[in-house]
Amino acid sequence: MHYIHRLIEKKILEASHAFSAVLVTGPRRAGKTTLLRKLFPKASYYLLEDPDVIARVKSDPRSFLEEIKPPAILDEIQNTPELFNYLRTLIDKEPRRLGKWFLTGSQDAPLMKGVSESMAGRIAVFHLSGFSLEESKKVSMLRGGFPEVLARPRASNIWFRSYIQTYLERDVRSISAIKDLALFRRFLSLIASRQGALLNKTDLAAPLGLSVPALTEWINILEITGAIIVVPPFYENFGKRLIKSPKIYFMDSGLSCYLLGIETENALRKSAFLGQVFEGFVASEIVKHQENSGRRRQIYYFRDQQGLEVDFVVPTGNARLLIMEAKAVRSVRPSMGAPLLKLARAIRRYKVEKRVVYLNPPEGAGKGFYTLIPGVTAVPVAEISSIC
């Protein structure tokens, strides 16, 4: 498969000259290993999923590391968290030796706990998701951004089926002792059908026969493994009474479409879920752009108890806010910008940019960026990275 350069490469290379260790987290099969092996071809490579390697590490982690001549890539290090303390010791012995340890991990929360406890100040941390529109024109709502799906789109259904099976058996079971994987699979499809709605745990738990605490744990698993984006309400009320429940979107729209049984572009256009999938696609593109720029993830929505709702609120620094509506249409109507104007009038402390993001116009149709109504710009989704 032809290597496609990732936007985050520059940030990782810069970090390798400033830190002894670099960690790249992200969902399974997002391209973390390929990225590090491309950037650091002289580094030795160790996959920490092999049972024999894991057993060796657990029996004597110090000897395992001391036998490695850095630079080295330690892949899927969440399987051997005992290595962190010994890595810290080795780094502290030679603090001026930079760019020697490159780590990947698929499960953010347990992994980050080890990093924060053992490696604080010694390691640069990045998050890699699938490809963004900015990185590859092959990215789409239907296929998403996983590298292997983009390389072989005709086999996407087989790939997603295998991916979910591996995800359930490895990532999910390594975090929680879930016995009924078939029920968890149903839970994934239910989340896909409810994305973009306010999270109501009671309504979600009931059709699955789950308790609310169990459902909460399962949602946490999806977030930990990078499968979903949890979008909280914006934390400032602008003088309004707010709705406080978060929203959930799948990080990869291709996986979302697979779970919803959507197999073709035509089926997606006609689907009752088109608007929800598009919202999730926009949320994912915002997050990917932030991560690829080396910024922390910041994405919110706004909704008050009077019914005023704006899909996304994105702080862009220097007391600026981007407020955005995502509309799965090719022809944007002026009325679609009305909620943005109404919310903007209530905002005092920020300079506000107002955008309606819509489906890319047909090739050769012209337009693109244009003024929808005074103060509100319409932006095709292919150009979303230029505004956030």
Protein backbone atom coordinates (compact mmCIF):
# COMPACT_ATOMS: atom_id res chain seq x y z
CA MET A 1 0.00 0.00 0.00
CA HIS A 2 1.35 3.40 -1.00
CA TYR A 3 2.31 5.49 2.04
CA ILE A 4 0.29 8.67 2.48
CA HIS A 5 1.98 11.33 4.58
CA ARG A 6 0.23 12.32 7.79
CA LEU A 7 -0.16 15.94 8.87
CA ILE A 8 1.00 15.11 12.39
CA GLU A 9 4.45 13.99 11.14
CA LYS A 10 6.07 17.41 11.62
CA LYS A 11 4.93 17.65 15.24
CA ILE A 12 6.21 14.16 16.04
CA LEU A 13 9.59 14.86 14.44
CA GLU A 14 9.89 18.10 16.41
CA ALA A 15 9.07 16.22 19.61
CA SER A 16 11.71 13.57 18.88
CA HIS A 17 14.35 16.32 19.12
CA ALA A 18 13.02 17.64 22.41
CA PHE A 19 11.94 14.53 24.37
CA SER A 20 13.50 11.18 25.15
CA ALA A 21 10.24 9.37 24.37
CA VAL A 22 7.25 9.90 22.08
CA LEU A 23 3.89 8.18 22.54
CA VAL A 24 1.29 7.92 19.76
CA THR A 25 -2.14 6.78 20.92
CA GLY A 26 -5.27 6.19 18.91
CA PRO A 27 -7.74 3.53 17.79
CA ARG A 28 -6.63 0.18 16.45
CA ARG A 29 -5.59 0.21 12.75
CA ALA A 30 -5.38 4.01 12.50
CA GLY A 31 -1.81 3.80 11.16
CA LYS A 32 0.26 4.46 14.30
CA THR A 33 2.85 1.75 13.64
CA THR A 34 3.19 2.57 9.94
CA LEU A 35 3.71 6.23 10.81
CA LEU A 36 6.48 5.63 13.36
CA ARG A 37 8.28 3.06 11.22
CA LYS A 38 8.22 5.48 8.29
CA LEU A 39 9.52 8.41 10.37
CA PHE A 40 12.17 6.39 12.22
CA PRO A 41 13.28 3.61 9.83
CA LYS A 42 16.47 2.86 11.80
CA ALA A 43 14.60 2.15 15.03
CA SER A 44 14.30 -1.49 16.12
CA TYR A 45 10.73 -2.75 16.41
CA TYR A 46 8.98 -4.78 19.13
CA LEU A 47 5.30 -5.81 18.97
CA LEU A 48 3.95 -6.13 22.50
CA GLU A 49 0.93 -8.22 21.48
CA ASP A 50 2.84 -11.44 20.89
CA PRO A 51 2.08 -13.74 23.87
CA ASP A 52 5.70 -14.86 24.07
CA VAL A 53 6.95 -11.28 24.15
CA ILE A 54 4.36 -10.29 26.77
CA ALA A 55 5.34 -13.25 28.96
CA ARG A 56 9.00 -12.31 28.66
CA VAL A 57 8.29 -8.69 29.61
CA LYS A 58 6.16 -9.62 32.59
CA SER A 59 8.75 -12.05 33.94
CA ASP A 60 11.66 -9.60 33.70
CA PRO A 61 10.82 -6.12 32.34
CA ARG A 62 14.20 -4.65 33.30
CA SER A 63 16.19 -7.22 31.32
CA PHE A 64 13.85 -6.88 28.33
CA LEU A 65 14.53 -3.14 28.07
CA GLU A 66 18.24 -3.35 28.85
CA GLU A 67 18.73 -5.75 25.93
CA ILE A 68 17.22 -3.22 23.51
CA LYS A 69 19.52 -0.81 21.75
CA PRO A 70 17.58 2.41 21.15
CA PRO A 71 16.13 4.00 19.14
CA ALA A 72 13.29 1.51 19.42
CA ILE A 73 9.57 1.32 18.69
CA LEU A 74 7.50 -0.42 21.37
CA ASP A 75 4.17 -1.18 19.70
CA GLU A 76 0.90 -1.57 21.68
CA ILE A 77 2.58 -0.81 25.00
CA GLN A 78 -0.74 -0.81 26.86
CA ASN A 79 -0.30 -4.61 27.04
CA THR A 80 2.83 -4.22 29.20
CA PRO A 81 2.31 -1.19 31.49
CA GLU A 82 5.05 -2.47 33.82
CA LEU A 83 7.58 -1.17 31.30
CA PHE A 84 6.85 2.47 32.14
CA ASN A 85 8.72 2.54 35.46
CA TYR A 86 11.79 0.93 33.92
CA LEU A 87 11.66 3.23 30.89
CA ARG A 88 11.66 6.19 33.25
CA THR A 89 14.76 4.84 34.98
CA LEU A 90 16.62 4.40 31.69
CA ILE A 91 15.62 7.87 30.50
CA ASP A 92 16.69 9.48 33.77
CA LYS A 93 20.12 7.87 33.48
CA GLU A 94 20.71 9.66 30.16
CA PRO A 95 18.33 12.64 30.06
CA ARG A 96 20.18 14.27 27.14
CA ARG A 97 19.65 11.30 24.83
CA LEU A 98 16.58 12.42 22.91
CA GLY A 99 14.34 10.57 20.47
CA LYS A 100 15.23 7.09 21.70
CA TRP A 101 11.89 5.52 22.61
CA PHE A 102 8.80 5.55 20.39
CA LEU A 103 5.64 4.01 21.82
CA THR A 104 2.18 3.26 20.46
CA GLY A 105 -0.98 2.37 22.35
CA SER A 106 -4.60 1.70 21.42
CA GLN A 107 -6.34 2.41 24.72
CA ASP A 108 -6.05 5.96 25.93
CA ALA A 109 -7.27 5.95 29.54
CA PRO A 110 -5.31 3.03 31.08
CA LEU A 111 -2.30 3.95 28.96
CA MET A 112 -2.39 7.62 29.91
CA LYS A 113 -2.63 6.67 33.59
CA GLY A 114 0.72 4.90 33.27
CA VAL A 115 2.22 7.81 31.38
CA SER A 116 1.05 10.44 33.86
CA GLU A 117 2.29 8.43 36.82
CA SER A 118 5.63 7.28 35.46
CA MET A 119 6.71 9.42 32.50
CA ALA A 120 5.51 12.96 33.20
CA GLY A 121 7.87 15.51 31.66
CA ARG A 122 9.83 12.83 29.82
CA ILE A 123 7.43 11.97 27.01
CA ALA A 124 5.54 13.82 24.26
CA VAL A 125 2.03 12.48 23.66
CA PHE A 126 0.11 12.58 20.37
CA HIS A 127 -3.17 11.10 19.19
CA LEU A 128 -3.59 9.65 15.70
CA SER A 129 -6.99 8.90 14.21
CA GLY A 130 -7.79 7.67 10.72
CA PHE A 131 -7.10 9.87 7.69
CA SER A 132 -8.82 13.24 7.47
CA LEU A 133 -10.15 14.91 4.33
CA GLU A 134 -7.15 17.21 4.56
CA GLU A 135 -4.83 14.20 4.24
CA SER A 136 -6.61 12.12 1.60
CA LYS A 137 -9.30 12.85 -0.97
CA LYS A 138 -10.39 9.22 -0.62
CA VAL A 139 -11.89 9.93 2.80
CA SER A 140 -15.68 9.98 2.65
CA MET A 141 -18.74 9.62 4.86
CA LEU A 142 -19.43 6.13 3.54
CA ARG A 143 -15.89 4.74 3.89
CA GLY A 144 -14.49 6.86 6.71
CA GLY A 145 -10.74 7.23 7.12
CA PHE A 146 -9.16 3.93 8.16
CA PRO A 147 -6.09 3.42 5.90
CA GLU A 148 -6.87 -0.18 4.92
CA VAL A 149 -10.46 0.68 3.97
CA LEU A 150 -9.28 3.52 1.73
CA ALA A 151 -6.74 1.20 0.10
CA ARG A 152 -9.34 -1.52 -0.59
CA PRO A 153 -12.81 0.12 -0.55
CA ARG A 154 -14.51 -2.82 -2.29
CA ALA A 155 -13.66 -5.03 0.67
CA SER A 156 -14.79 -2.48 3.25
CA ASN A 157 -17.66 -4.57 4.63
CA ILE A 158 -15.39 -7.54 5.21
CA TRP A 159 -12.79 -5.27 6.80
CA PHE A 160 -15.27 -3.60 9.18
CA ARG A 161 -16.74 -6.96 10.19
CA SER A 162 -13.28 -8.27 11.02
CA TYR A 163 -12.33 -5.02 12.73
CA ILE A 164 -15.34 -5.15 15.06
CA GLN A 165 -14.64 -8.78 15.92
CA THR A 166 -11.00 -7.97 16.77
CA TYR A 167 -12.07 -4.82 18.64
CA LEU A 168 -14.55 -6.79 20.76
CA GLU A 169 -12.22 -9.67 21.53
CA ARG A 170 -9.09 -7.61 22.26
CA ASP A 171 -9.76 -4.00 23.19
CA VAL A 172 -13.14 -4.38 24.89
CA ARG A 173 -12.29 -7.51 26.84
CA SER A 174 -8.93 -6.14 27.92
CA ILE A 175 -10.70 -3.22 29.62
CA SER A 176 -13.81 -4.90 31.04
CA ALA A 177 -14.86 -8.49 31.70
CA ILE A 178 -17.83 -8.33 29.33
CA LYS A 179 -19.21 -11.80 28.73
CA ASP A 180 -21.96 -11.13 26.18
CA LEU A 181 -20.12 -9.77 23.15
CA ALA A 182 -23.19 -10.19 20.94
CA LEU A 183 -25.05 -7.77 23.22
CA PHE A 184 -22.14 -5.32 23.07
CA ARG A 185 -22.30 -5.55 19.28
CA ARG A 186 -26.00 -4.59 19.45
CA PHE A 187 -25.03 -1.72 21.72
CA LEU A 188 -22.61 -0.44 19.05
CA SER A 189 -25.39 -0.39 16.45
CA LEU A 190 -27.77 1.34 18.85
CA ILE A 191 -25.19 4.07 19.56
CA ALA A 192 -24.71 4.52 15.81
CA SER A 193 -28.45 5.05 15.38
CA ARG A 194 -28.63 7.59 18.24
CA GLN A 195 -25.52 9.65 17.47
CA GLY A 196 -26.05 13.37 17.50
CA ALA A 197 -28.99 13.12 19.91
CA LEU A 198 -28.75 14.15 23.55
CA LEU A 199 -27.41 11.23 25.56
CA ASN A 200 -30.27 9.64 27.51
CA LYS A 201 -28.80 6.65 29.29
CA THR A 202 -32.14 5.33 30.50
CA ASP A 203 -33.57 5.23 26.96
CA LEU A 204 -30.43 3.53 25.66
CA ALA A 205 -30.22 0.98 28.46
CA ALA A 206 -33.86 -0.17 28.26
CA PRO A 207 -33.85 -1.94 24.84
CA LEU A 208 -30.60 -3.69 25.75
CA GLY A 209 -31.80 -4.85 29.17
CA LEU A 210 -28.85 -3.09 30.82
CA SER A 211 -28.62 -1.09 34.01
CA VAL A 212 -27.64 2.58 33.65
CA PRO A 213 -24.28 1.98 35.46
CA ALA A 214 -23.48 -0.87 33.03
CA LEU A 215 -24.38 1.31 30.06
CA THR A 216 -22.19 4.10 31.44
CA GLU A 217 -19.28 1.66 31.65
CA TRP A 218 -19.83 0.56 28.06
CA ILE A 219 -19.88 4.16 26.81
CA ASN A 220 -16.63 4.75 28.70
CA ILE A 221 -15.11 1.76 26.90
CA LEU A 222 -16.01 3.26 23.51
CA GLU A 223 -14.45 6.57 24.53
CA ILE A 224 -11.31 4.95 25.97
CA THR A 225 -10.71 2.95 22.80
CA GLY A 226 -11.20 5.96 20.53
CA ALA A 227 -14.36 4.62 18.89
CA ILE A 228 -16.54 7.60 19.76
CA ILE A 229 -16.34 11.35 20.33
CA VAL A 230 -18.22 12.59 23.39
CA VAL A 231 -19.24 16.20 22.77
CA PRO A 232 -20.21 18.07 25.96
CA PRO A 233 -22.33 21.23 26.06
CA PHE A 234 -20.39 24.47 25.97
CA TYR A 235 -19.51 25.43 29.52
CA GLU A 236 -20.58 29.10 29.38
CA ASN A 237 -24.27 29.87 29.54
CA PHE A 238 -24.38 33.30 27.86
CA GLY A 239 -27.19 34.16 30.25
CA LYS A 240 -29.23 31.10 29.23
CA ARG A 241 -30.37 27.94 31.02
CA LEU A 242 -28.48 25.10 29.39
CA ILE A 243 -29.11 21.48 28.58
CA LYS A 244 -26.24 19.58 30.21
CA SER A 245 -26.31 16.12 28.59
CA PRO A 246 -23.50 15.34 26.13
CA LYS A 247 -23.83 14.08 22.58
CA ILE A 248 -22.03 11.10 21.07
CA TYR A 249 -20.66 10.54 17.55
CA PHE A 250 -18.61 7.74 16.03
CA MET A 251 -15.06 8.80 15.30
CA ASP A 252 -15.10 6.98 11.96
CA SER A 253 -18.13 7.51 9.75
CA GLY A 254 -17.34 4.38 7.74
CA LEU A 255 -17.67 2.25 10.86
CA SER A 256 -20.89 4.09 11.68
CA CYS A 257 -22.32 3.37 8.23
CA TYR A 258 -21.37 -0.29 8.51
CA LEU A 259 -23.13 -0.60 11.87
CA LEU A 260 -26.23 1.05 10.36
CA GLY A 261 -26.23 -1.35 7.39
CA ILE A 262 -25.49 1.42 4.85
CA GLU A 263 -23.41 -0.10 2.04
CA THR A 264 -23.55 2.33 -0.91
CA GLU A 265 -23.45 6.06 -1.58
CA ASN A 266 -27.00 5.86 -2.94
CA ALA A 267 -28.23 4.13 0.21
CA LEU A 268 -26.51 6.77 2.33
CA ARG A 269 -28.15 9.63 0.40
CA LYS A 270 -31.58 8.06 0.96
CA SER A 271 -30.96 7.00 4.56
CA ALA A 272 -32.88 8.47 7.47
CA PHE A 273 -29.50 8.59 9.23
CA LEU A 274 -27.80 10.83 6.64
CA GLY A 275 -27.97 13.96 8.81
CA GLN A 276 -26.61 12.17 11.87
CA VAL A 277 -23.77 10.53 9.95
CA PHE A 278 -22.84 13.88 8.39
CA GLU A 279 -22.82 15.58 11.80
CA GLY A 280 -20.50 12.86 13.09
CA PHE A 281 -18.30 13.21 10.02
CA VAL A 282 -17.96 16.96 10.65
CA ALA A 283 -17.21 16.38 14.36
CA SER A 284 -14.52 13.87 13.41
CA GLU A 285 -12.91 16.26 10.93
CA ILE A 286 -12.79 19.00 13.56
CA VAL A 287 -11.14 16.68 16.09
CA LYS A 288 -8.66 15.27 13.55
CA HIS A 289 -7.60 18.78 12.52
CA GLN A 290 -7.02 19.73 16.16
CA GLU A 291 -5.00 16.58 16.86
CA ASN A 292 -2.96 16.85 13.67
CA SER A 293 -2.10 20.43 14.59
CA GLY A 294 -0.80 19.33 17.99
CA ARG A 295 -3.70 21.00 19.80
CA ARG A 296 -5.86 19.48 22.49
CA ARG A 297 -9.32 18.29 21.60
CA GLN A 298 -11.92 21.04 22.10
CA ILE A 299 -15.38 20.54 20.65
CA TYR A 300 -18.73 21.37 22.21
CA TYR A 301 -22.36 21.95 21.24
CA PHE A 302 -24.90 24.49 22.50
CA ARG A 303 -28.52 23.98 23.45
CA ASP A 304 -30.66 25.89 25.91
CA GLN A 305 -33.99 25.01 27.48
CA GLN A 306 -35.81 27.33 25.08
CA GLY A 307 -34.76 25.11 22.16
CA LEU A 308 -31.95 27.18 20.66
CA GLU A 309 -29.37 24.67 19.38
CA VAL A 310 -26.09 24.97 17.51
CA ASP A 311 -24.33 21.78 16.41
CA PHE A 312 -20.74 22.71 17.29
CA VAL A 313 -18.93 25.33 19.34
CA VAL A 314 -15.14 25.29 18.83
CA PRO A 315 -12.74 27.57 20.74
CA THR A 316 -9.99 28.64 18.34
CA GLY A 317 -7.80 30.67 20.73
CA ASN A 318 -7.36 34.36 21.48
CA ALA A 319 -10.94 34.75 22.76
CA ARG A 320 -12.41 33.47 19.48
CA LEU A 321 -15.24 31.01 18.98
CA LEU A 322 -16.28 29.14 15.86
CA ILE A 323 -19.98 28.25 15.98
CA MET A 324 -21.15 25.87 13.32
CA GLU A 325 -24.17 24.11 11.88
CA ALA A 326 -23.69 20.86 9.92
CA LYS A 327 -26.26 20.34 7.16
CA ALA A 328 -26.30 17.26 4.92
CA VAL A 329 -27.51 19.19 1.87
CA ARG A 330 -25.91 20.52 -1.31
CA SER A 331 -28.06 23.67 -1.40
CA VAL A 332 -27.92 25.69 1.81
CA ARG A 333 -30.88 27.90 2.72
CA PRO A 334 -30.48 31.24 4.53
CA SER A 335 -32.73 30.01 7.35
CA MET A 336 -30.06 27.45 8.27
CA GLY A 337 -27.87 30.28 9.53
CA ALA A 338 -30.54 31.76 11.84
CA PRO A 339 -29.57 29.79 15.00
CA LEU A 340 -25.97 30.97 14.60
CA LEU A 341 -27.00 34.62 14.49
CA LYS A 342 -29.29 34.18 17.48
CA LEU A 343 -26.57 32.56 19.59
CA ALA A 344 -23.93 35.06 18.46
CA ARG A 345 -26.07 37.93 19.74
CA ALA A 346 -25.88 36.46 23.26
CA ILE A 347 -22.08 36.09 23.24
CA ARG A 348 -20.13 38.98 24.68
CA ARG A 349 -16.63 37.79 25.66
CA TYR A 350 -15.61 36.25 22.34
CA LYS A 351 -15.18 37.22 18.73
CA VAL A 352 -17.51 34.82 16.95
CA GLU A 353 -17.19 33.24 13.50
CA LYS A 354 -20.39 31.72 12.12
CA ARG A 355 -20.32 28.90 9.56
CA VAL A 356 -22.77 26.45 7.98
CA VAL A 357 -20.93 23.34 6.75
CA TYR A 358 -22.66 21.45 3.94
CA LEU A 359 -22.08 18.58 1.51
CA ASN A 360 -19.54 19.24 -1.21
CA PRO A 361 -21.22 20.74 -4.30
CA PRO A 362 -21.07 18.60 -7.47
CA GLU A 363 -17.80 18.89 -9.37
CA GLY A 364 -17.86 21.90 -11.67
CA ALA A 365 -20.91 23.40 -9.94
CA GLY A 366 -18.95 26.39 -8.67
CA LYS A 367 -19.59 28.04 -5.35
CA GLY A 368 -17.85 26.62 -2.28
CA PHE A 369 -17.32 29.34 0.31
CA TYR A 370 -19.99 31.98 0.02
CA THR A 371 -21.97 34.38 2.18
CA LEU A 372 -25.22 32.72 3.16
CA ILE A 373 -26.61 35.71 5.05
CA PRO A 374 -24.70 38.72 6.40
CA GLY A 375 -22.24 37.42 9.00
CA VAL A 376 -22.70 33.71 8.15
CA THR A 377 -20.56 31.84 5.63
CA ALA A 378 -21.44 28.55 3.91
CA VAL A 379 -18.46 26.16 3.75
CA PRO A 380 -18.27 22.82 1.87
CA VAL A 381 -17.13 20.01 4.14
CA ALA A 382 -14.00 19.43 2.03
CA GLU A 383 -12.77 22.85 3.21
CA ILE A 384 -13.55 22.43 6.89
CA SER A 385 -9.88 22.29 7.95
CA SER A 386 -9.44 25.86 6.74
CA ILE A 387 -11.90 27.24 9.30
CA CYS A 388 -11.12 25.29 12.47
